[in-house]
Structures are given as C-alpha cells and as structure tokens.
Amino acid sequence: DVQRYINEDLPYIWTVRSQWVVVASNNVRGIMNGPL
C-alpha cells in the first residue's frame, strides 16, 4: 500500500536502481561479512 500511495503522490521521479559492489585487491580476505 505504501508503494502504491507514493506512486500516486509522486514525490520521487524514478529512473534506475543502483548496483553496489565492493572491490578488493587479491591479497584481501574476509571481504564479505563474517559470522555473527
């Protein structure tokens, strides 16, 4: 419902979605989050 109402009010003019990446040198390990 929130999404529908926001698209009716149009406070945001959408374009495309962002793609985040994390990039590391080849000597880095544990790039992704370790265990809790």
All heavy atoms as atom14 arrays in JSON, in Angstrom:
{
  "sequence": "DVQRYINEDLPYIWTVRSQWVVVASNNVRGIMNGPL",
  "atom14_mask": [
    [1, 1, 1, 1, 1, 1, 1, 1, 0, 0, 0, 0, 0, 0],
    [1, 1, 1, 1, 1, 1, 1, 0, 0, 0, 0, 0, 0, 0],
    [1, 1, 1, 1, 1, 1, 1, 1, 1, 0, 0, 0, 0, 0],
    [1, 1, 1, 1, 1, 1, 1, 1, 1, 1, 1, 0, 0, 0],
    [1, 1, 1, 1, 1, 1, 1, 1, 1, 1, 1, 1, 0, 0],
    [1, 1, 1, 1, 1, 1, 1, 1, 0, 0, 0, 0, 0, 0],
    [1, 1, 1, 1, 1, 1, 1, 1, 0, 0, 0, 0, 0, 0],
    [1, 1, 1, 1, 1, 1, 1, 1, 1, 0, 0, 0, 0, 0],
    [1, 1, 1, 1, 1, 1, 1, 1, 0, 0, 0, 0, 0, 0],
    [1, 1, 1, 1, 1, 1, 1, 1, 0, 0, 0, 0, 0, 0],
    [1, 1, 1, 1, 1, 1, 1, 0, 0, 0, 0, 0, 0, 0],
    [1, 1, 1, 1, 1, 1, 1, 1, 1, 1, 1, 1, 0, 0],
    [1, 1, 1, 1, 1, 1, 1, 1, 0, 0, 0, 0, 0, 0],
    [1, 1, 1, 1, 1, 1, 1, 1, 1, 1, 1, 1, 1, 1],
    [1, 1, 1, 1, 1, 1, 1, 0, 0, 0, 0, 0, 0, 0],
    [1, 1, 1, 1, 1, 1, 1, 0, 0, 0, 0, 0, 0, 0],
    [1, 1, 1, 1, 1, 1, 1, 1, 1, 1, 1, 0, 0, 0],
    [1, 1, 1, 1, 1, 1, 0, 0, 0, 0, 0, 0, 0, 0],
    [1, 1, 1, 1, 1, 1, 1, 1, 1, 0, 0, 0, 0, 0],
    [1, 1, 1, 1, 1, 1, 1, 1, 1, 1, 1, 1, 1, 1],
    [1, 1, 1, 1, 1, 1, 1, 0, 0, 0, 0, 0, 0, 0],
    [1, 1, 1, 1, 1, 1, 1, 0, 0, 0, 0, 0, 0, 0],
    [1, 1, 1, 1, 1, 1, 1, 0, 0, 0, 0, 0, 0, 0],
    [1, 1, 1, 1, 1, 0, 0, 0, 0, 0, 0, 0, 0, 0],
    [1, 1, 1, 1, 1, 1, 0, 0, 0, 0, 0, 0, 0, 0],
    [1, 1, 1, 1, 1, 1, 1, 1, 0, 0, 0, 0, 0, 0],
    [1, 1, 1, 1, 1, 1, 1, 1, 0, 0, 0, 0, 0, 0],
    [1, 1, 1, 1, 1, 1, 1, 0, 0, 0, 0, 0, 0, 0],
    [1, 1, 1, 1, 1, 1, 1, 1, 1, 1, 1, 0, 0, 0],
    [1, 1, 1, 1, 0, 0, 0, 0, 0, 0, 0, 0, 0, 0],
    [1, 1, 1, 1, 1, 1, 1, 1, 0, 0, 0, 0, 0, 0],
    [1, 1, 1, 1, 1, 1, 1, 1, 0, 0, 0, 0, 0, 0],
    [1, 1, 1, 1, 1, 1, 1, 1, 0, 0, 0, 0, 0, 0],
    [1, 1, 1, 1, 0, 0, 0, 0, 0, 0, 0, 0, 0, 0],
    [1, 1, 1, 1, 1, 1, 1, 0, 0, 0, 0, 0, 0, 0],
    [1, 1, 1, 1, 1, 1, 1, 1, 0, 0, 0, 0, 0, 0]
  ],
  "atom14_positions": [
    [[0.83, -1.2, 0.0], [0.0, 0.0, 0.0], [0.86, 1.26, 0.0], [0.56, 2.22, -0.71], [-0.92, 0.0, 1.23], [-2.01, -1.04, 1.16], [-2.27, -1.57, 0.06], [-2.61, -1.35, 2.22], [0.0, 0.0, 0.0], [0.0, 0.0, 0.0], [0.0, 0.0, 0.0], [0.0, 0.0, 0.0], [0.0, 0.0, 0.0], [0.0, 0.0, 0.0]],
    [[1.93, 1.25, 0.8], [2.83, 2.41, 0.83], [3.38, 2.69, -0.56], [3.41, 3.84, -1.02], [3.99, 2.18, 1.83], [5.03, 3.28, 1.7], [3.47, 2.13, 3.26], [0.0, 0.0, 0.0], [0.0, 0.0, 0.0], [0.0, 0.0, 0.0], [0.0, 0.0, 0.0], [0.0, 0.0, 0.0], [0.0, 0.0, 0.0], [0.0, 0.0, 0.0]],
    [[3.82, 1.64, -1.24], [4.37, 1.85, -2.59], [3.33, 2.44, -3.52], [3.63, 3.36, -4.3], [4.89, 0.52, -3.16], [5.32, 0.65, -4.62], [6.25, -0.44, -5.07], [7.45, -0.29, -4.97], [5.7, -1.53, -5.57], [0.0, 0.0, 0.0], [0.0, 0.0, 0.0], [0.0, 0.0, 0.0], [0.0, 0.0, 0.0], [0.0, 0.0, 0.0]],
    [[2.11, 1.93, -3.46], [1.06, 2.43, -4.35], [0.77, 3.92, -4.09], [0.68, 4.72, -5.04], [-0.22, 1.61, -4.17], [-1.34, 2.04, -5.13], [-2.5, 1.09, -5.12], [-3.25, 1.11, -3.86], [-3.17, 0.18, -2.92], [-2.36, -0.86, -3.09], [-3.88, 0.27, -1.81], [0.0, 0.0, 0.0], [0.0, 0.0, 0.0], [0.0, 0.0, 0.0]],
    [[0.67, 4.29, -2.82], [0.35, 5.68, -2.49], [1.49, 6.63, -2.88], [1.25, 7.75, -3.35], [0.04, 5.82, -1.0], [-1.12, 4.97, -0.53], [-1.12, 4.4, 0.74], [-2.21, 4.72, -1.36], [-2.18, 3.62, 1.18], [-3.27, 3.94, -0.94], [-3.25, 3.38, 0.34], [-4.31, 2.6, 0.77], [0.0, 0.0, 0.0], [0.0, 0.0, 0.0]],
    [[2.73, 6.2, -2.69], [3.86, 7.03, -3.09], [3.87, 7.24, -4.6], [4.13, 8.35, -5.09], [5.19, 6.4, -2.61], [5.35, 6.61, -1.1], [6.39, 7.0, -3.35], [6.59, 5.99, -0.5], [0.0, 0.0, 0.0], [0.0, 0.0, 0.0], [0.0, 0.0, 0.0], [0.0, 0.0, 0.0], [0.0, 0.0, 0.0], [0.0, 0.0, 0.0]],
    [[3.52, 6.21, -5.34], [3.48, 6.35, -6.8], [2.31, 7.2, -7.27], [2.31, 7.7, -8.41], [3.43, 4.98, -7.47], [4.81, 4.36, -7.61], [5.81, 4.97, -7.24], [4.86, 3.14, -8.13], [0.0, 0.0, 0.0], [0.0, 0.0, 0.0], [0.0, 0.0, 0.0], [0.0, 0.0, 0.0], [0.0, 0.0, 0.0], [0.0, 0.0, 0.0]],
    [[1.33, 7.39, -6.42], [0.24, 8.31, -6.74], [0.63, 9.75, -6.4], [0.29, 10.69, -7.13], [-1.03, 7.91, -5.99], [-1.65, 6.6, -6.48], [-2.85, 6.16, -5.64], [-3.24, 6.92, -4.72], [-3.38, 5.07, -5.9], [0.0, 0.0, 0.0], [0.0, 0.0, 0.0], [0.0, 0.0, 0.0], [0.0, 0.0, 0.0], [0.0, 0.0, 0.0]],
    [[1.36, 9.93, -5.29], [1.76, 11.27, -4.87], [2.93, 11.81, -5.69], [3.07, 13.03, -5.85], [2.18, 11.25, -3.39], [1.01, 10.93, -2.46], [-0.15, 11.07, -2.9], [1.27, 10.57, -1.3], [0.0, 0.0, 0.0], [0.0, 0.0, 0.0], [0.0, 0.0, 0.0], [0.0, 0.0, 0.0], [0.0, 0.0, 0.0], [0.0, 0.0, 0.0]],
    [[3.81, 10.93, -6.16], [4.95, 11.27, -7.0], [5.92, 12.29, -6.39], [6.31, 13.27, -7.04], [4.47, 11.78, -8.37], [3.72, 10.75, -9.22], [3.13, 11.42, -10.46], [4.66, 9.62, -9.63], [0.0, 0.0, 0.0], [0.0, 0.0, 0.0], [0.0, 0.0, 0.0], [0.0, 0.0, 0.0], [0.0, 0.0, 0.0], [0.0, 0.0, 0.0]],
    [[6.37, 12.07, -5.16], [7.44, 12.92, -4.63], [8.8, 12.55, -5.21], [9.76, 13.29, -5.07], [7.39, 12.64, -3.12], [6.88, 11.23, -3.03], [5.9, 11.09, -4.16], [0.0, 0.0, 0.0], [0.0, 0.0, 0.0], [0.0, 0.0, 0.0], [0.0, 0.0, 0.0], [0.0, 0.0, 0.0], [0.0, 0.0, 0.0], [0.0, 0.0, 0.0]],
    [[8.86, 11.36, -5.84], [10.11, 10.87, -6.42], [9.87, 10.5, -7.89], [8.91, 9.82, -8.22], [10.59, 9.62, -5.68], [10.51, 9.71, -4.18], [9.7, 8.82, -3.46], [11.21, 10.68, -3.48], [9.61, 8.9, -2.08], [11.13, 10.76, -2.1], [10.32, 9.87, -1.4], [10.23, 9.96, -0.03], [0.0, 0.0, 0.0], [0.0, 0.0, 0.0]],
    [[10.78, 10.96, -8.75], [10.73, 10.6, -10.16], [11.79, 9.52, -10.37], [12.99, 9.8, -10.4], [11.0, 11.82, -11.06], [9.99, 12.95, -10.74], [10.91, 11.42, -12.53], [8.53, 12.56, -10.89], [0.0, 0.0, 0.0], [0.0, 0.0, 0.0], [0.0, 0.0, 0.0], [0.0, 0.0, 0.0], [0.0, 0.0, 0.0], [0.0, 0.0, 0.0]],
    [[11.36, 8.28, -10.48], [12.27, 7.14, -10.53], [13.02, 7.07, -11.85], [12.51, 7.46, -12.89], [11.5, 5.82, -10.35], [10.59, 5.77, -9.16], [9.23, 5.66, -9.17], [10.96, 5.81, -7.78], [8.73, 5.62, -7.89], [9.77, 5.72, -7.01], [12.19, 5.92, -7.11], [9.77, 5.73, -5.62], [12.19, 5.93, -5.71], [11.0, 5.84, -5.0]],
    [[14.24, 6.53, -11.79], [15.0, 6.27, -13.03], [15.44, 4.8, -13.03], [14.74, 3.95, -13.55], [16.2, 7.23, -13.17], [17.05, 7.14, -12.02], [15.72, 8.66, -13.36], [0.0, 0.0, 0.0], [0.0, 0.0, 0.0], [0.0, 0.0, 0.0], [0.0, 0.0, 0.0], [0.0, 0.0, 0.0], [0.0, 0.0, 0.0], [0.0, 0.0, 0.0]],
    [[16.59, 4.49, -12.44], [17.08, 3.11, -12.39], [17.59, 2.81, -10.97], [17.8, 3.71, -10.17], [18.23, 2.88, -13.4], [17.71, 2.89, -14.82], [19.33, 3.93, -13.22], [0.0, 0.0, 0.0], [0.0, 0.0, 0.0], [0.0, 0.0, 0.0], [0.0, 0.0, 0.0], [0.0, 0.0, 0.0], [0.0, 0.0, 0.0], [0.0, 0.0, 0.0]],
    [[17.77, 1.53, -10.71], [18.25, 1.12, -9.39], [19.78, 1.05, -9.37], [20.41, 0.68, -10.36], [17.66, -0.24, -9.01], [16.16, -0.2, -8.91], [15.57, -1.48, -8.37], [14.11, -1.38, -8.4], [13.37, -0.75, -7.48], [13.97, -0.22, -6.44], [12.07, -0.69, -7.6], [0.0, 0.0, 0.0], [0.0, 0.0, 0.0], [0.0, 0.0, 0.0]],
    [[20.34, 1.39, -8.21], [21.79, 1.33, -8.06], [22.27, -0.09, -7.86], [21.56, -0.93, -7.29], [22.23, 2.16, -6.84], [22.09, 3.53, -7.08], [0.0, 0.0, 0.0], [0.0, 0.0, 0.0], [0.0, 0.0, 0.0], [0.0, 0.0, 0.0], [0.0, 0.0, 0.0], [0.0, 0.0, 0.0], [0.0, 0.0, 0.0], [0.0, 0.0, 0.0]],
    [[23.47, -0.36, -8.33], [24.14, -1.62, -8.07], [25.39, -1.33, -7.25], [26.32, -0.7, -7.73], [24.53, -2.32, -9.36], [25.4, -3.56, -9.18], [24.67, -4.68, -8.46], [23.76, -5.29, -9.02], [25.07, -4.94, -7.22], [0.0, 0.0, 0.0], [0.0, 0.0, 0.0], [0.0, 0.0, 0.0], [0.0, 0.0, 0.0], [0.0, 0.0, 0.0]],
    [[25.39, -1.76, -6.01], [26.58, -1.6, -5.18], [27.53, -2.76, -5.42], [27.1, -3.91, -5.56], [26.21, -1.58, -3.7], [25.82, -0.25, -3.14], [24.56, 0.17, -2.83], [26.69, 0.83, -2.8], [24.59, 1.44, -2.33], [25.89, 1.88, -2.3], [28.08, 1.02, -2.89], [26.42, 3.09, -1.88], [28.6, 2.24, -2.48], [27.78, 3.26, -1.97]],
    [[28.81, -2.46, -5.44], [29.82, -3.5, -5.43], [30.9, -3.12, -4.44], [31.14, -1.93, -4.18], [30.46, -3.75, -6.81], [29.44, -4.19, -7.83], [31.24, -2.53, -7.29], [0.0, 0.0, 0.0], [0.0, 0.0, 0.0], [0.0, 0.0, 0.0], [0.0, 0.0, 0.0], [0.0, 0.0, 0.0], [0.0, 0.0, 0.0], [0.0, 0.0, 0.0]],
    [[31.54, -4.13, -3.86], [32.75, -3.95, -3.07], [33.86, -4.65, -3.83], [33.7, -5.79, -4.28], [32.59, -4.55, -1.66], [33.93, -4.58, -0.92], [31.58, -3.74, -0.85], [0.0, 0.0, 0.0], [0.0, 0.0, 0.0], [0.0, 0.0, 0.0], [0.0, 0.0, 0.0], [0.0, 0.0, 0.0], [0.0, 0.0, 0.0], [0.0, 0.0, 0.0]],
    [[34.98, -3.96, -4.0], [36.09, -4.49, -4.79], [37.35, -4.45, -3.93], [37.58, -3.48, -3.18], [36.31, -3.68, -6.08], [37.25, -4.41, -7.02], [34.98, -3.4, -6.78], [0.0, 0.0, 0.0], [0.0, 0.0, 0.0], [0.0, 0.0, 0.0], [0.0, 0.0, 0.0], [0.0, 0.0, 0.0], [0.0, 0.0, 0.0], [0.0, 0.0, 0.0]],
    [[38.16, -5.5, -4.02], [39.36, -5.58, -3.19], [40.54, -6.14, -3.97], [40.38, -6.86, -4.98], [39.1, -6.46, -1.97], [0.0, 0.0, 0.0], [0.0, 0.0, 0.0], [0.0, 0.0, 0.0], [0.0, 0.0, 0.0], [0.0, 0.0, 0.0], [0.0, 0.0, 0.0], [0.0, 0.0, 0.0], [0.0, 0.0, 0.0], [0.0, 0.0, 0.0]],
    [[41.73, -5.81, -3.51], [42.95, -6.37, -4.07], [42.97, -7.87, -3.8], [42.28, -8.38, -2.91], [44.17, -5.71, -3.44], [44.15, -4.32, -3.65], [0.0, 0.0, 0.0], [0.0, 0.0, 0.0], [0.0, 0.0, 0.0], [0.0, 0.0, 0.0], [0.0, 0.0, 0.0], [0.0, 0.0, 0.0], [0.0, 0.0, 0.0], [0.0, 0.0, 0.0]],
    [[43.82, -8.57, -4.53], [43.84, -10.03, -4.43], [44.44, -10.57, -3.14], [44.34, -11.76, -2.87], [44.6, -10.62, -5.62], [43.75, -10.62, -6.88], [42.52, -10.57, -6.82], [44.4, -10.64, -8.04], [0.0, 0.0, 0.0], [0.0, 0.0, 0.0], [0.0, 0.0, 0.0], [0.0, 0.0, 0.0], [0.0, 0.0, 0.0], [0.0, 0.0, 0.0]],
    [[45.05, -9.7, -2.32], [45.6, -10.19, -1.05], [44.64, -9.98, 0.13], [44.99, -10.29, 1.27], [46.93, -9.5, -0.73], [46.77, -8.01, -0.46], [45.9, -7.35, -1.03], [47.63, -7.48, 0.4], [0.0, 0.0, 0.0], [0.0, 0.0, 0.0], [0.0, 0.0, 0.0], [0.0, 0.0, 0.0], [0.0, 0.0, 0.0], [0.0, 0.0, 0.0]],
    [[43.44, -9.48, -0.16], [42.47, -9.25, 0.92], [41.57, -10.48, 1.06], [41.12, -11.05, 0.07], [41.61, -8.0, 0.63], [40.62, -7.76, 1.77], [42.49, -6.77, 0.42], [0.0, 0.0, 0.0], [0.0, 0.0, 0.0], [0.0, 0.0, 0.0], [0.0, 0.0, 0.0], [0.0, 0.0, 0.0], [0.0, 0.0, 0.0], [0.0, 0.0, 0.0]],
    [[41.31, -10.88, 2.29], [40.42, -11.99, 2.57], [39.36, -11.52, 3.59], [39.54, -10.54, 4.28], [41.18, -13.19, 3.15], [42.25, -13.76, 2.21], [41.61, -14.42, 1.0], [42.63, -15.01, 0.13], [43.23, -14.37, -0.86], [42.94, -13.1, -1.09], [44.12, -14.99, -1.61], [0.0, 0.0, 0.0], [0.0, 0.0, 0.0], [0.0, 0.0, 0.0]],
    [[38.27, -12.3, 3.66], [37.19, -11.9, 4.57], [36.49, -10.65, 4.09], [36.12, -9.78, 4.88], [0.0, 0.0, 0.0], [0.0, 0.0, 0.0], [0.0, 0.0, 0.0], [0.0, 0.0, 0.0], [0.0, 0.0, 0.0], [0.0, 0.0, 0.0], [0.0, 0.0, 0.0], [0.0, 0.0, 0.0], [0.0, 0.0, 0.0], [0.0, 0.0, 0.0]],
    [[36.28, -10.56, 2.79], [35.64, -9.38, 2.2], [34.17, -9.3, 2.58], [33.63, -8.25, 2.89], [35.8, -9.4, 0.67], [37.27, -9.35, 0.29], [35.05, -8.24, 0.03], [37.53, -9.59, -1.18], [0.0, 0.0, 0.0], [0.0, 0.0, 0.0], [0.0, 0.0, 0.0], [0.0, 0.0, 0.0], [0.0, 0.0, 0.0], [0.0, 0.0, 0.0]],
    [[33.51, -10.45, 2.55], [32.09, -10.49, 2.9], [31.95, -10.66, 4.41], [32.86, -11.13, 5.09], [31.42, -11.63, 2.14], [31.57, -11.47, 0.62], [31.06, -12.92, -0.32], [29.29, -12.79, -0.2], [0.0, 0.0, 0.0], [0.0, 0.0, 0.0], [0.0, 0.0, 0.0], [0.0, 0.0, 0.0], [0.0, 0.0, 0.0], [0.0, 0.0, 0.0]],
    [[30.82, -10.25, 4.93], [30.62, -10.25, 6.38], [30.82, -11.64, 6.99], [30.24, -12.63, 6.52], [29.22, -9.74, 6.73], [29.05, -8.27, 6.41], [30.04, -7.53, 6.33], [27.82, -7.83, 6.24], [0.0, 0.0, 0.0], [0.0, 0.0, 0.0], [0.0, 0.0, 0.0], [0.0, 0.0, 0.0], [0.0, 0.0, 0.0], [0.0, 0.0, 0.0]],
    [[31.64, -11.7, 8.04], [31.88, -12.96, 8.74], [30.69, -13.33, 9.61], [29.68, -12.63, 9.64], [0.0, 0.0, 0.0], [0.0, 0.0, 0.0], [0.0, 0.0, 0.0], [0.0, 0.0, 0.0], [0.0, 0.0, 0.0], [0.0, 0.0, 0.0], [0.0, 0.0, 0.0], [0.0, 0.0, 0.0], [0.0, 0.0, 0.0], [0.0, 0.0, 0.0]],
    [[30.78, -14.46, 10.32], [29.67, -14.93, 11.14], [29.27, -13.93, 12.23], [30.07, -13.09, 12.65], [30.21, -16.22, 11.78], [31.36, -16.62, 10.92], [31.93, -15.36, 10.38], [0.0, 0.0, 0.0], [0.0, 0.0, 0.0], [0.0, 0.0, 0.0], [0.0, 0.0, 0.0], [0.0, 0.0, 0.0], [0.0, 0.0, 0.0], [0.0, 0.0, 0.0]],
    [[28.03, -14.04, 12.68], [27.56, -13.28, 13.82], [28.22, -13.81, 15.09], [28.83, -14.88, 15.07], [26.04, -13.38, 13.92], [25.24, -12.8, 12.73], [23.77, -13.12, 12.88], [25.47, -11.3, 12.61], [0.0, 0.0, 0.0], [0.0, 0.0, 0.0], [0.0, 0.0, 0.0], [0.0, 0.0, 0.0], [0.0, 0.0, 0.0], [0.0, 0.0, 0.0]]
  ]
}
